[in-house]
PDB file of N, CA and C in Angstrom:
ATOM      1  N   MET A   1     -11.707  98.313   4.181  1.00  0.00           N
ATOM      2  CA  MET A   1     -12.323  99.167   5.179  1.00  0.00           C
ATOM      3  C   MET A   1     -11.466 100.404   5.440  1.00  0.00           C
ATOM      4  N   ARG A   2     -10.153 100.205   5.415  1.00  0.00           N
ATOM      5  CA  ARG A   2      -9.265 101.325   5.704  1.00  0.00           C
ATOM      6  C   ARG A   2      -9.458 102.456   4.688  1.00  0.00           C
ATOM      7  N   LYS A   3      -9.625 102.114   3.419  1.00  0.00           N
ATOM      8  CA  LYS A   3      -9.814 103.136   2.391  1.00  0.00           C
ATOM      9  C   LYS A   3     -11.079 103.949   2.661  1.00  0.00           C
ATOM     10  N   VAL A   4     -12.133 103.267   3.057  1.00  0.00           N
ATOM     11  CA  VAL A   4     -13.396 103.950   3.351  1.00  0.00           C
ATOM     12  C   VAL A   4     -13.232 104.861   4.561  1.00  0.00           C
ATOM     13  N   LEU A   5     -12.557 104.371   5.595  1.00  0.00           N
ATOM     14  CA  LEU A   5     -12.338 105.179   6.795  1.00  0.00           C
ATOM     15  C   LEU A   5     -11.513 106.429   6.464  1.00  0.00           C
ATOM     16  N   ARG A   6     -10.471 106.254   5.664  1.00  0.00           N
ATOM     17  CA  ARG A   6      -9.635 107.403   5.304  1.00  0.00           C
ATOM     18  C   ARG A   6     -10.403 108.407   4.459  1.00  0.00           C
ATOM     19  N   ARG A   7     -11.183 107.903   3.518  1.00  0.00           N
ATOM     20  CA  ARG A   7     -11.983 108.800   2.667  1.00  0.00           C
ATOM     21  C   ARG A   7     -12.961 109.595   3.524  1.00  0.00           C
ATOM     22  N   ASP A   8     -13.634 108.890   4.448  1.00  0.00           N
ATOM     23  CA  ASP A   8     -14.607 109.553   5.300  1.00  0.00           C
ATOM     24  C   ASP A   8     -13.941 110.493   6.300  1.00  0.00           C
ATOM     25  N   LEU A   9     -12.718 110.173   6.710  1.00  0.00           N
ATOM     26  CA  LEU A   9     -11.981 111.067   7.603  1.00  0.00           C
ATOM     27  C   LEU A   9     -11.698 112.392   6.892  1.00  0.00           C
ATOM     28  N   ALA A  10     -11.272 112.307   5.649  1.00  0.00           N
ATOM     29  CA  ALA A  10     -11.006 113.536   4.889  1.00  0.00           C
ATOM     30  C   ALA A  10     -12.274 114.374   4.767  1.00  0.00           C
ATOM     31  N   ALA A  11     -13.393 113.727   4.492  1.00  0.00           N
ATOM     32  CA  ALA A  11     -14.671 114.450   4.371  1.00  0.00           C
ATOM     33  C   ALA A  11     -15.074 115.064   5.709  1.00  0.00           C
ATOM     34  N   ALA A  12     -14.870 114.315   6.800  1.00  0.00           N
ATOM     35  CA  ALA A  12     -15.222 114.826   8.126  1.00  0.00           C
ATOM     36  C   ALA A  12     -14.346 116.010   8.512  1.00  0.00           C
ATOM     37  N   MET A  13     -13.088 115.962   8.115  1.00  0.00           N
ATOM     38  CA  MET A  13     -12.184 117.076   8.410  1.00  0.00           C
ATOM     39  C   MET A  13     -12.617 118.323   7.647  1.00  0.00           C
ATOM     40  N   LYS A  14     -12.999 118.160   6.398  1.00  0.00           N
ATOM     41  CA  LYS A  14     -13.471 119.298   5.610  1.00  0.00           C
ATOM     42  C   LYS A  14     -14.748 119.871   6.197  1.00  0.00           C
ATOM     43  N   ALA A  15     -15.610 118.988   6.716  1.00  0.00           N
ATOM     44  CA  ALA A  15     -16.879 119.424   7.300  1.00  0.00           C
ATOM     45  C   ALA A  15     -16.718 119.901   8.745  1.00  0.00           C
ATOM     46  N   ARG A  16     -15.514 119.749   9.286  1.00  0.00           N
ATOM     47  CA  ARG A  16     -15.228 120.114  10.678  1.00  0.00           C
ATOM     48  C   ARG A  16     -16.151 119.387  11.659  1.00  0.00           C
ATOM     49  N   ASP A  17     -16.356 118.109  11.379  1.00  0.00           N
ATOM     50  CA  ASP A  17     -17.192 117.244  12.203  1.00  0.00           C
ATOM     51  C   ASP A  17     -16.292 116.588  13.249  1.00  0.00           C
ATOM     52  N   LYS A  18     -16.178 117.227  14.408  1.00  0.00           N
ATOM     53  CA  LYS A  18     -15.224 116.779  15.434  1.00  0.00           C
ATOM     54  C   LYS A  18     -15.452 115.352  15.920  1.00  0.00           C
ATOM     55  N   PRO A  19     -16.702 114.936  16.226  1.00  0.00           N
ATOM     56  CA  PRO A  19     -16.880 113.542  16.669  1.00  0.00           C
ATOM     57  C   PRO A  19     -16.446 112.531  15.610  1.00  0.00           C
ATOM     58  N   SER A  20     -16.760 112.808  14.352  1.00  0.00           N
ATOM     59  CA  SER A  20     -16.374 111.880  13.283  1.00  0.00           C
ATOM     60  C   SER A  20     -14.865 111.854  13.104  1.00  0.00           C
ATOM     61  N   VAL A  21     -14.240 113.011  13.124  1.00  0.00           N
ATOM     62  CA  VAL A  21     -12.787 113.071  12.971  1.00  0.00           C
ATOM     63  C   VAL A  21     -12.111 112.287  14.089  1.00  0.00           C
ATOM     64  N   SER A  22     -12.538 112.504  15.311  1.00  0.00           N
ATOM     65  CA  SER A  22     -11.933 111.819  16.455  1.00  0.00           C
ATOM     66  C   SER A  22     -12.129 110.314  16.367  1.00  0.00           C
ATOM     67  N   ALA A  23     -13.334 109.878  16.066  1.00  0.00           N
ATOM     68  CA  ALA A  23     -13.629 108.449  15.997  1.00  0.00           C
ATOM     69  C   ALA A  23     -12.875 107.770  14.857  1.00  0.00           C
ATOM     70  N   LEU A  24     -12.858 108.409  13.697  1.00  0.00           N
ATOM     71  CA  LEU A  24     -12.198 107.800  12.539  1.00  0.00           C
ATOM     72  C   LEU A  24     -10.679 107.770  12.709  1.00  0.00           C
ATOM     73  N   ARG A  25     -10.112 108.815  13.282  1.00  0.00           N
ATOM     74  CA  ARG A  25      -8.671 108.801  13.538  1.00  0.00           C
ATOM     75  C   ARG A  25      -8.306 107.684  14.507  1.00  0.00           C
ATOM     76  N   SER A  26      -9.108 107.537  15.528  1.00  0.00           N
ATOM     77  CA  SER A  26      -8.854 106.510  16.520  1.00  0.00           C
ATOM     78  C   SER A  26      -8.961 105.109  15.914  1.00  0.00           C
ATOM     79  N   ALA A  27      -9.965 104.891  15.093  1.00  0.00           N
ATOM     80  CA  ALA A  27     -10.139 103.585  14.454  1.00  0.00           C
ATOM     81  C   ALA A  27      -8.977 103.287  13.509  1.00  0.00           C
ATOM     82  N   LEU A  28      -8.569 104.274  12.734  1.00  0.00           N
ATOM     83  CA  LEU A  28      -7.436 104.074  11.830  1.00  0.00           C
ATOM     84  C   LEU A  28      -6.147 103.803  12.602  1.00  0.00           C
ATOM     85  N   ALA A  29      -5.958 104.497  13.710  1.00  0.00           N
ATOM     86  CA  ALA A  29      -4.771 104.262  14.541  1.00  0.00           C
ATOM     87  C   ALA A  29      -4.783 102.855  15.127  1.00  0.00           C
ATOM     88  N   ALA A  30      -5.946 102.379  15.542  1.00  0.00           N
ATOM     89  CA  ALA A  30      -6.043 101.023  16.084  1.00  0.00           C
ATOM     90  C   ALA A  30      -5.679  99.991  15.018  1.00  0.00           C
ATOM     91  N   ILE A  31      -6.129 100.225  13.795  1.00  0.00           N
ATOM     92  CA  ILE A  31      -5.796  99.305  12.701  1.00  0.00           C
ATOM     93  C   ILE A  31      -4.300  99.353  12.405  1.00  0.00           C
ATOM     94  N   GLU A  32      -3.747 100.556  12.343  1.00  0.00           N
ATOM     95  CA  GLU A  32      -2.310 100.697  12.087  1.00  0.00           C
ATOM     96  C   GLU A  32      -1.495 100.021  13.187  1.00  0.00           C
ATOM     97  N   ASN A  33      -1.890 100.197  14.435  1.00  0.00           N
ATOM     98  CA  ASN A  33      -1.167  99.577  15.547  1.00  0.00           C
ATOM     99  C   ASN A  33      -1.252  98.062  15.490  1.00  0.00           C
ATOM    100  N   ALA A  34      -2.387  97.543  15.090  1.00  0.00           N
ATOM    101  CA  ALA A  34      -2.542  96.091  14.999  1.00  0.00           C
ATOM    102  C   ALA A  34      -1.692  95.512  13.877  1.00  0.00           C
ATOM    103  N   GLU A  35      -1.365  96.339  12.898  1.00  0.00           N
ATOM    104  CA  GLU A  35      -0.533  95.877  11.789  1.00  0.00           C
ATOM    105  C   GLU A  35       0.954  96.101  12.029  1.00  0.00           C
ATOM    106  N   ALA A  36       1.318  96.528  13.205  1.00  0.00           N
ATOM    107  CA  ALA A  36       2.727  96.784  13.509  1.00  0.00           C
ATOM    108  C   ALA A  36       3.531  95.501  13.346  1.00  0.00           C
ATOM    109  N   VAL A  37       4.804  95.675  13.134  1.00  0.00           N
ATOM    110  CA  VAL A  37       5.697  94.540  12.921  1.00  0.00           C
ATOM    111  C   VAL A  37       5.707  93.649  14.153  1.00  0.00           C
ATOM    112  N   ASP A  38       5.600  92.372  13.911  1.00  0.00           N
ATOM    113  CA  ASP A  38       5.703  91.390  14.988  1.00  0.00           C
ATOM    114  C   ASP A  38       7.165  91.340  15.420  1.00  0.00           C
ATOM    115  N   VAL A  39       7.441  91.732  16.647  1.00  0.00           N
ATOM    116  CA  VAL A  39       8.819  91.825  17.130  1.00  0.00           C
ATOM    117  C   VAL A  39       9.515  90.473  17.065  1.00  0.00           C
ATOM    118  N   SER A  40       8.791  89.399  17.275  1.00  0.00           N
ATOM    119  CA  SER A  40       9.425  88.079  17.233  1.00  0.00           C
ATOM    120  C   SER A  40       9.881  87.712  15.825  1.00  0.00           C
ATOM    121  N   ALA A  41       9.342  88.377  14.799  1.00  0.00           N
ATOM    122  CA  ALA A  41       9.730  88.083  13.418  1.00  0.00           C
ATOM    123  C   ALA A  41      10.925  88.918  12.971  1.00  0.00           C
ATOM    124  N   ALA A  42      11.303  89.901  13.750  1.00  0.00           N
ATOM    125  CA  ALA A  42      12.420  90.765  13.366  1.00  0.00           C
ATOM    126  C   ALA A  42      13.734  90.013  13.517  1.00  0.00           C
ATOM    127  N   PRO A  43      14.666  90.228  12.599  1.00  0.00           N
ATOM    128  CA  PRO A  43      15.965  89.571  12.726  1.00  0.00           C
ATOM    129  C   PRO A  43      16.710  90.111  13.940  1.00  0.00           C
ATOM    130  N   LEU A  44      17.565  89.293  14.491  1.00  0.00           N
ATOM    131  CA  LEU A  44      18.360  89.729  15.633  1.00  0.00           C
ATOM    132  C   LEU A  44      19.335  90.807  15.176  1.00  0.00           C
ATOM    133  N   PRO A  45      19.499  91.857  15.972  1.00  0.00           N
ATOM    134  CA  PRO A  45      20.422  92.915  15.567  1.00  0.00           C
ATOM    135  C   PRO A  45      21.861  92.410  15.593  1.00  0.00           C
ATOM    136  N   ALA A  46      22.625  92.884  14.650  1.00  0.00           N
ATOM    137  CA  ALA A  46      24.046  92.532  14.600  1.00  0.00           C
ATOM    138  C   ALA A  46      24.790  93.397  15.609  1.00  0.00           C
ATOM    139  N   PRO A  47      25.852  92.862  16.162  1.00  0.00           N
ATOM    140  CA  PRO A  47      26.634  93.693  17.085  1.00  0.00           C
ATOM    141  C   PRO A  47      27.276  94.843  16.314  1.00  0.00           C
ATOM    142  N   PRO A  48      27.498  95.976  16.979  1.00  0.00           N
ATOM    143  CA  PRO A  48      28.121  97.103  16.278  1.00  0.00           C
ATOM    144  C   PRO A  48      29.525  96.723  15.802  1.00  0.00           C
ATOM    145  N   ASP A  49      29.921  97.288  14.704  1.00  0.00           N
ATOM    146  CA  ASP A  49      31.251  97.014  14.149  1.00  0.00           C
ATOM    147  C   ASP A  49      32.282  97.783  14.964  1.00  0.00           C
ATOM    148  N   PRO A  50      33.247  97.084  15.586  1.00  0.00           N
ATOM    149  CA  PRO A  50      34.242  97.781  16.406  1.00  0.00           C
ATOM    150  C   PRO A  50      35.208  98.618  15.567  1.00  0.00           C
ATOM    151  N   HIS A  51      35.222  98.395  14.250  1.00  0.00           N
ATOM    152  CA  HIS A  51      36.161  99.115  13.393  1.00  0.00           C
ATOM    153  C   HIS A  51      35.549 100.377  12.779  1.00  0.00           C
ATOM    154  N   ILE A  52      34.244 100.572  12.958  1.00  0.00           N
ATOM    155  CA  ILE A  52      33.584 101.742  12.382  1.00  0.00           C
ATOM    156  C   ILE A  52      32.964 102.535  13.522  1.00  0.00           C
ATOM    157  N   ALA A  53      33.490 103.725  13.747  1.00  0.00           N
ATOM    158  CA  ALA A  53      32.977 104.570  14.826  1.00  0.00           C
ATOM    159  C   ALA A  53      31.544 104.972  14.527  1.00  0.00           C
ATOM    160  N   GLY A  54      30.712 104.877  15.525  1.00  0.00           N
ATOM    161  CA  GLY A  54      29.324 105.300  15.392  1.00  0.00           C
ATOM    162  C   GLY A  54      28.435 104.319  14.662  1.00  0.00           C
ATOM    163  N   SER A  55      28.914 103.104  14.437  1.00  0.00           N
ATOM    164  CA  SER A  55      28.052 102.127  13.758  1.00  0.00           C
ATOM    165  C   SER A  55      26.892 101.765  14.677  1.00  0.00           C
ATOM    166  N   VAL A  56      25.784 101.422  14.077  1.00  0.00           N
ATOM    167  CA  VAL A  56      24.566 101.153  14.829  1.00  0.00           C
ATOM    168  C   VAL A  56      24.185  99.695  14.673  1.00  0.00           C
ATOM    169  N   ALA A  57      23.904  99.075  15.796  1.00  0.00           N
ATOM    170  CA  ALA A  57      23.436  97.695  15.751  1.00  0.00           C
ATOM    171  C   ALA A  57      21.981  97.678  15.320  1.00  0.00           C
ATOM    172  N   GLY A  58      21.583  96.656  14.628  1.00  0.00           N
ATOM    173  CA  GLY A  58      20.185  96.500  14.273  1.00  0.00           C
ATOM    174  C   GLY A  58      19.807  97.091  12.945  1.00  0.00           C
ATOM    175  N   LEU A  59      20.763  97.511  12.149  1.00  0.00           N
ATOM    176  CA  LEU A  59      20.421  98.030  10.832  1.00  0.00           C
ATOM    177  C   LEU A  59      19.719  96.947  10.032  1.00  0.00           C
ATOM    178  N   GLY A  60      18.690  97.316   9.325  1.00  0.00           N
ATOM    179  CA  GLY A  60      17.957  96.359   8.508  1.00  0.00           C
ATOM    180  C   GLY A  60      16.748  95.769   9.207  1.00  0.00           C
ATOM    181  N   THR A  61      16.582  96.056  10.503  1.00  0.00           N
ATOM    182  CA  THR A  61      15.420  95.491  11.189  1.00  0.00           C
ATOM    183  C   THR A  61      14.124  96.115  10.707  1.00  0.00           C
ATOM    184  N   ALA A  62      14.211  97.261  10.049  1.00  0.00           N
ATOM    185  CA  ALA A  62      13.011  97.889   9.503  1.00  0.00           C
ATOM    186  C   ALA A  62      12.566  97.212   8.210  1.00  0.00           C
ATOM    187  N   GLU A  63      13.293  96.220   7.776  1.00  0.00           N
ATOM    188  CA  GLU A  63      12.982  95.522   6.541  1.00  0.00           C
ATOM    189  C   GLU A  63      11.872  94.489   6.729  1.00  0.00           C
ATOM    190  N   VAL A  64      11.440  94.266   7.949  1.00  0.00           N
ATOM    191  CA  VAL A  64      10.413  93.264   8.223  1.00  0.00           C
ATOM    192  C   VAL A  64       9.061  93.774   7.750  1.00  0.00           C
ATOM    193  N   GLU A  65       8.299  92.919   7.088  1.00  0.00           N
ATOM    194  CA  GLU A  65       6.970  93.283   6.589  1.00  0.00           C
ATOM    195  C   GLU A  65       6.010  93.534   7.744  1.00  0.00           C
ATOM    196  N   ARG A  66       5.133  94.519   7.546  1.00  0.00           N
ATOM    197  CA  ARG A  66       4.058  94.743   8.515  1.00  0.00           C
ATOM    198  C   ARG A  66       3.015  93.652   8.336  1.00  0.00           C
ATOM    199  N   ARG A  67       2.258  93.400   9.375  1.00  0.00           N
ATOM    200  CA  ARG A  67       1.149  92.454   9.259  1.00  0.00           C
ATOM    201  C   ARG A  67       0.066  93.066   8.380  1.00  0.00           C
ATOM    202  N   ALA A  68      -0.690  92.224   7.743  1.00  0.00           N
ATOM    203  CA  ALA A  68      -1.815  92.700   6.927  1.00  0.00           C
ATOM    204  C   ALA A  68      -3.103  92.178   7.549  1.00  0.00           C
ATOM    205  N   LEU A  69      -3.949  93.093   7.986  1.00  0.00           N
ATOM    206  CA  LEU A  69      -5.224  92.694   8.576  1.00  0.00           C
ATOM    207  C   LEU A  69      -6.259  92.499   7.484  1.00  0.00           C
ATOM    208  N   GLY A  70      -7.087  91.509   7.667  1.00  0.00           N
ATOM    209  CA  GLY A  70      -8.204  91.312   6.769  1.00  0.00           C
ATOM    210  C   GLY A  70      -9.363  92.207   7.173  1.00  0.00           C
ATOM    211  N   ASP A  71     -10.378  92.236   6.343  1.00  0.00           N
ATOM    212  CA  ASP A  71     -11.543  93.074   6.639  1.00  0.00           C
ATOM    213  C   ASP A  71     -12.222  92.673   7.939  1.00  0.00           C
ATOM    214  N   CYS A  72     -12.282  91.372   8.219  1.00  0.00           N
ATOM    215  CA  CYS A  72     -12.932  90.911   9.458  1.00  0.00           C
ATOM    216  C   CYS A  72     -12.183  91.397  10.689  1.00  0.00           C
ATOM    217  N   GLU A  73     -10.854  91.371  10.627  1.00  0.00           N
ATOM    218  CA  GLU A  73     -10.057  91.832  11.768  1.00  0.00           C
ATOM    219  C   GLU A  73     -10.182  93.344  11.944  1.00  0.00           C
ATOM    220  N   ALA A  74     -10.173  94.066  10.842  1.00  0.00           N
ATOM    221  CA  ALA A  74     -10.337  95.523  10.920  1.00  0.00           C
ATOM    222  C   ALA A  74     -11.724  95.854  11.463  1.00  0.00           C
ATOM    223  N   GLU A  75     -12.711  95.120  11.005  1.00  0.00           N
ATOM    224  CA  GLU A  75     -14.084  95.330  11.488  1.00  0.00           C
ATOM    225  C   GLU A  75     -14.178  95.078  12.991  1.00  0.00           C
ATOM    226  N   GLN A  76     -13.492  94.034  13.466  1.00  0.00           N
ATOM    227  CA  GLN A  76     -13.494  93.727  14.895  1.00  0.00           C
ATOM    228  C   GLN A  76     -12.849  94.859  15.693  1.00  0.00           C
ATOM    229  N   LEU A  77     -11.784  95.446  15.171  1.00  0.00           N
ATOM    230  CA  LEU A  77     -11.144  96.571  15.860  1.00  0.00           C
ATOM    231  C   LEU A  77     -12.073  97.772  15.932  1.00  0.00           C
ATOM    232  N   VAL A  78     -12.784  98.045  14.846  1.00  0.00           N
ATOM    233  CA  VAL A  78     -13.737  99.159  14.842  1.00  0.00           C
ATOM    234  C   VAL A  78     -14.855  98.886  15.848  1.00  0.00           C
ATOM    235  N   ARG A  79     -15.316  97.644  15.905  1.00  0.00           N
ATOM    236  CA  ARG A  79     -16.355  97.264  16.868  1.00  0.00           C
ATOM    237  C   ARG A  79     -15.863  97.482  18.300  1.00  0.00           C
ATOM    238  N   GLU A  80     -14.622  97.084  18.578  1.00  0.00           N
ATOM    239  CA  GLU A  80     -14.061  97.263  19.918  1.00  0.00           C
ATOM    240  C   GLU A  80     -13.921  98.743  20.270  1.00  0.00           C
ATOM    241  N   GLU A  81     -13.526  99.550  19.293  1.00  0.00           N
ATOM    242  CA  GLU A  81     -13.425 101.001  19.523  1.00  0.00           C
ATOM    243  C   GLU A  81     -14.792 101.580  19.886  1.00  0.00           C
ATOM    244  N   ALA A  82     -15.825 101.158  19.177  1.00  0.00           N
ATOM    245  CA  ALA A  82     -17.183 101.651  19.454  1.00  0.00           C
ATOM    246  C   ALA A  82     -17.644 101.197  20.836  1.00  0.00           C
ATOM    247  N   GLU A  83     -17.432  99.925  21.147  1.00  0.00           N
ATOM    248  CA  GLU A  83     -17.860  99.390  22.446  1.00  0.00           C
ATOM    249  C   GLU A  83     -17.141 100.077  23.597  1.00  0.00           C
ATOM    250  N   GLU A  84     -15.856 100.366  23.406  1.00  0.00           N
ATOM    251  CA  GLU A  84     -15.098 101.045  24.452  1.00  0.00           C
ATOM    252  C   GLU A  84     -15.677 102.428  24.724  1.00  0.00           C
ATOM    253  N   ARG A  85     -16.038 103.131  23.665  1.00  0.00           N
ATOM    254  CA  ARG A  85     -16.623 104.460  23.836  1.00  0.00           C
ATOM    255  C   ARG A  85     -17.959 104.392  24.563  1.00  0.00           C
ATOM    256  N   VAL A  86     -18.760 103.414  24.242  1.00  0.00           N
ATOM    257  CA  VAL A  86     -20.056 103.266  24.911  1.00  0.00           C
ATOM    258  C   VAL A  86     -19.845 103.010  26.403  1.00  0.00           C
ATOM    259  N   GLY A  87     -18.909 102.139  26.738  1.00  0.00           N
ATOM    260  CA  GLY A  87     -18.634 101.835  28.141  1.00  0.00           C
ATOM    261  C   GLY A  87     -18.155 103.045  28.916  1.00  0.00           C
ATOM    262  N   VAL A  88     -17.242 103.778  28.331  1.00  0.00           N
ATOM    263  CA  VAL A  88     -16.721 104.980  28.999  1.00  0.00           C
ATOM    264  C   VAL A  88     -17.819 106.040  29.091  1.00  0.00           C
ATOM    265  N   ALA A  89     -18.643 106.147  28.048  1.00  0.00           N
ATOM    266  CA  ALA A  89     -19.742 107.123  28.078  1.00  0.00           C
ATOM    267  C   ALA A  89     -20.705 106.810  29.217  1.00  0.00           C
ATOM    268  N   LEU A  90     -20.992 105.538  29.450  1.00  0.00           N
ATOM    269  CA  LEU A  90     -21.876 105.164  30.563  1.00  0.00           C
ATOM    270  C   LEU A  90     -21.260 105.560  31.901  1.00  0.00           C
ATOM    271  N   ASP A  91     -19.959 105.322  32.042  1.00  0.00           N
ATOM    272  CA  ASP A  91     -19.274 105.703  33.280  1.00  0.00           C
ATOM    273  C   ASP A  91     -19.296 107.222  33.481  1.00  0.00           C
ATOM    274  N   LEU A  92     -19.055 107.959  32.415  1.00  0.00           N
ATOM    275  CA  LEU A  92     -19.079 109.413  32.515  1.00  0.00           C
ATOM    276  C   LEU A  92     -20.478 109.938  32.825  1.00  0.00           C
ATOM    277  N   GLU A  93     -21.482 109.306  32.241  1.00  0.00           N
ATOM    278  CA  GLU A  93     -22.870 109.710  32.495  1.00  0.00           C
ATOM    279  C   GLU A  93     -23.205 109.522  33.977  1.00  0.00           C
ATOM    280  N   ARG A  94     -22.789 108.383  34.526  1.00  0.00           N
ATOM    281  CA  ARG A  94     -23.032 108.112  35.950  1.00  0.00           C
ATOM    282  C   ARG A  94     -22.301 109.118  36.840  1.00  0.00           C
ATOM    283  N   ALA A  95     -21.152 109.596  36.373  1.00  0.00           N
ATOM    284  CA  ALA A  95     -20.361 110.546  37.150  1.00  0.00           C
ATOM    285  C   ALA A  95     -20.827 111.990  36.945  1.00  0.00           C
ATOM    286  N   GLY A  96     -21.832 112.172  36.101  1.00  0.00           N
ATOM    287  CA  GLY A  96     -22.377 113.506  35.904  1.00  0.00           C
ATOM    288  C   GLY A  96     -21.701 114.324  34.810  1.00  0.00           C
ATOM    289  N   HIS A  97     -20.865 113.705  34.025  1.00  0.00           N
ATOM    290  CA  HIS A  97     -20.179 114.402  32.929  1.00  0.00           C
ATOM    291  C   HIS A  97     -20.965 114.174  31.645  1.00  0.00           C
ATOM    292  N   HIS A  98     -22.090 114.818  31.539  1.00  0.00           N
ATOM    293  CA  HIS A  98     -23.036 114.551  30.450  1.00  0.00           C
ATOM    294  C   HIS A  98     -22.511 114.963  29.081  1.00  0.00           C
ATOM    295  N   ARG A  99     -21.841 116.093  29.000  1.00  0.00           N
ATOM    296  CA  ARG A  99     -21.330 116.538  27.694  1.00  0.00           C
ATOM    297  C   ARG A  99     -20.264 115.599  27.154  1.00  0.00           C
ATOM    298  N   ARG A 100     -19.343 115.205  28.022  1.00  0.00           N
ATOM    299  CA  ARG A 100     -18.287 114.280  27.592  1.00  0.00           C
ATOM    300  C   ARG A 100     -18.873 112.934  27.215  1.00  0.00           C
ATOM    301  N   ALA A 101     -19.876 112.492  27.966  1.00  0.00           N
ATOM    302  CA  ALA A 101     -20.531 111.219  27.655  1.00  0.00           C
ATOM    303  C   ALA A 101     -21.244 111.297  26.305  1.00  0.00           C
ATOM    304  N   ALA A 102     -21.899 112.405  26.041  1.00  0.00           N
ATOM    305  CA  ALA A 102     -22.601 112.574  24.768  1.00  0.00           C
ATOM    306  C   ALA A 102     -21.615 112.593  23.595  1.00  0.00           C
ATOM    307  N   ARG A 103     -20.455 113.199  23.796  1.00  0.00           N
ATOM    308  CA  ARG A 103     -19.442 113.233  22.736  1.00  0.00           C
ATOM    309  C   ARG A 103     -18.946 111.829  22.416  1.00  0.00           C
ATOM    310  N   LEU A 104     -18.681 111.041  23.464  1.00  0.00           N
ATOM    311  CA  LEU A 104     -18.230 109.666  23.234  1.00  0.00           C
ATOM    312  C   LEU A 104     -19.321 108.814  22.597  1.00  0.00           C
ATOM    313  N   GLN A 105     -20.552 109.034  22.993  1.00  0.00           N
ATOM    314  CA  GLN A 105     -21.660 108.295  22.396  1.00  0.00           C
ATOM    315  C   GLN A 105     -21.790 108.650  20.914  1.00  0.00           C
ATOM    316  N   ALA A 106     -21.592 109.921  20.576  1.00  0.00           N
ATOM    317  CA  ALA A 106     -21.638 110.346  19.169  1.00  0.00           C
ATOM    318  C   ALA A 106     -20.515 109.683  18.373  1.00  0.00           C
ATOM    319  N   GLU A 107     -19.329 109.569  18.972  1.00  0.00           N
ATOM    320  CA  GLU A 107     -18.224 108.899  18.297  1.00  0.00           C
ATOM    321  C   GLU A 107     -18.542 107.417  18.082  1.00  0.00           C
ATOM    322  N   ALA A 108     -19.142 106.778  19.085  1.00  0.00           N
ATOM    323  CA  ALA A 108     -19.525 105.368  18.940  1.00  0.00           C
ATOM    324  C   ALA A 108     -20.545 105.204  17.818  1.00  0.00           C
ATOM    325  N   ASP A 109     -21.476 106.137  17.724  1.00  0.00           N
ATOM    326  CA  ASP A 109     -22.468 106.087  16.648  1.00  0.00           C
ATOM    327  C   ASP A 109     -21.812 106.199  15.277  1.00  0.00           C
ATOM    328  N   VAL A 110     -20.795 107.046  15.168  1.00  0.00           N
ATOM    329  CA  VAL A 110     -20.061 107.177  13.906  1.00  0.00           C
ATOM    330  C   VAL A 110     -19.436 105.838  13.539  1.00  0.00           C
ATOM    331  N   LEU A 111     -18.771 105.199  14.485  1.00  0.00           N
ATOM    332  CA  LEU A 111     -18.084 103.945  14.207  1.00  0.00           C
ATOM    333  C   LEU A 111     -19.055 102.816  13.871  1.00  0.00           C
ATOM    334  N   ARG A 112     -20.217 102.825  14.488  1.00  0.00           N
ATOM    335  CA  ARG A 112     -21.201 101.765  14.222  1.00  0.00           C
ATOM    336  C   ARG A 112     -21.666 101.770  12.766  1.00  0.00           C
ATOM    337  N   LYS A 113     -21.565 102.907  12.109  1.00  0.00           N
ATOM    338  CA  LYS A 113     -21.988 102.999  10.703  1.00  0.00           C
ATOM    339  C   LYS A 113     -21.118 102.114   9.803  1.00  0.00           C
ATOM    340  N   TYR A 114     -19.935 101.763  10.259  1.00  0.00           N
ATOM    341  CA  TYR A 114     -19.018 100.954   9.458  1.00  0.00           C
ATOM    342  C   TYR A 114     -19.137  99.465   9.751  1.00  0.00           C
ATOM    343  N   LEU A 115     -20.036  99.103  10.645  1.00  0.00           N
ATOM    344  CA  LEU A 115     -20.230  97.706  10.999  1.00  0.00           C
ATOM    345  C   LEU A 115     -21.462  97.155  10.315  1.00  0.00           C
ATOM    346  N   PRO A 116     -21.419  95.911   9.896  1.00  0.00           N
ATOM    347  CA  PRO A 116     -22.611  95.326   9.253  1.00  0.00           C
ATOM    348  C   PRO A 116     -23.739  95.183  10.267  1.00  0.00           C
ATOM    349  N   PRO A 117     -24.978  95.277   9.806  1.00  0.00           N
ATOM    350  CA  PRO A 117     -26.113  95.220  10.728  1.00  0.00           C
ATOM    351  C   PRO A 117     -26.236  93.883  11.458  1.00  0.00           C
ATOM    352  N   SER A 118     -25.673  92.834  10.916  1.00  0.00           N
ATOM    353  CA  SER A 118     -25.792  91.520  11.540  1.00  0.00           C
ATOM    354  C   SER A 118     -24.713  91.246  12.557  1.00  0.00           C
ATOM    355  N   SER A 119     -24.014  92.295  13.040  1.00  0.00           N
ATOM    356  CA  SER A 119     -22.892  92.095  13.953  1.00  0.00           C
ATOM    357  C   SER A 119     -23.310  91.979  15.412  1.00  0.00           C
ATOM    358  N   GLY A 120     -24.610  91.877  15.682  1.00  0.00           N
ATOM    359  CA  GLY A 120     -25.081  91.667  17.048  1.00  0.00           C
ATOM    360  C   GLY A 120     -25.121  92.921  17.866  1.00  0.00           C
ATOM    361  N   GLN A 121     -25.286  94.066  17.246  1.00  0.00           N
ATOM    362  CA  GLN A 121     -25.361  95.314  17.987  1.00  0.00           C
ATOM    363  C   GLN A 121     -26.734  95.453  18.628  1.00  0.00           C
ATOM    364  N   GLU A 122     -26.754  96.188  19.756  1.00  0.00           N
ATOM    365  CA  GLU A 122     -28.032  96.475  20.382  1.00  0.00           C
ATOM    366  C   GLU A 122     -28.658  97.647  19.708  1.00  0.00           C
TER     367      GLU A 122
END
């Protein structure tokens, strides 16, 4: 899914499609954040070496593998991103911010295109 999102993001950027660019960037960021290193899996940092000035504790902690999300998990994140936009758009609509609500609704529509039709959408 990530490859498709990135490919479509590049196309949306070339087309200057602001709602698509915003929605796709946000979805990709959510996936990247979900794949962040599990802090509990990181090795404990070593104490700084008292014999080497400026030594840094924790060297090598970047060696921990990132999590790998499956397609179902990535799809769930995209679904949550779309649902969040719909909820905020409804709140903005009630508050009289029609343009902002329409923009968020357009972004939600973009994200829904990446979800299978059997995902229980209204």
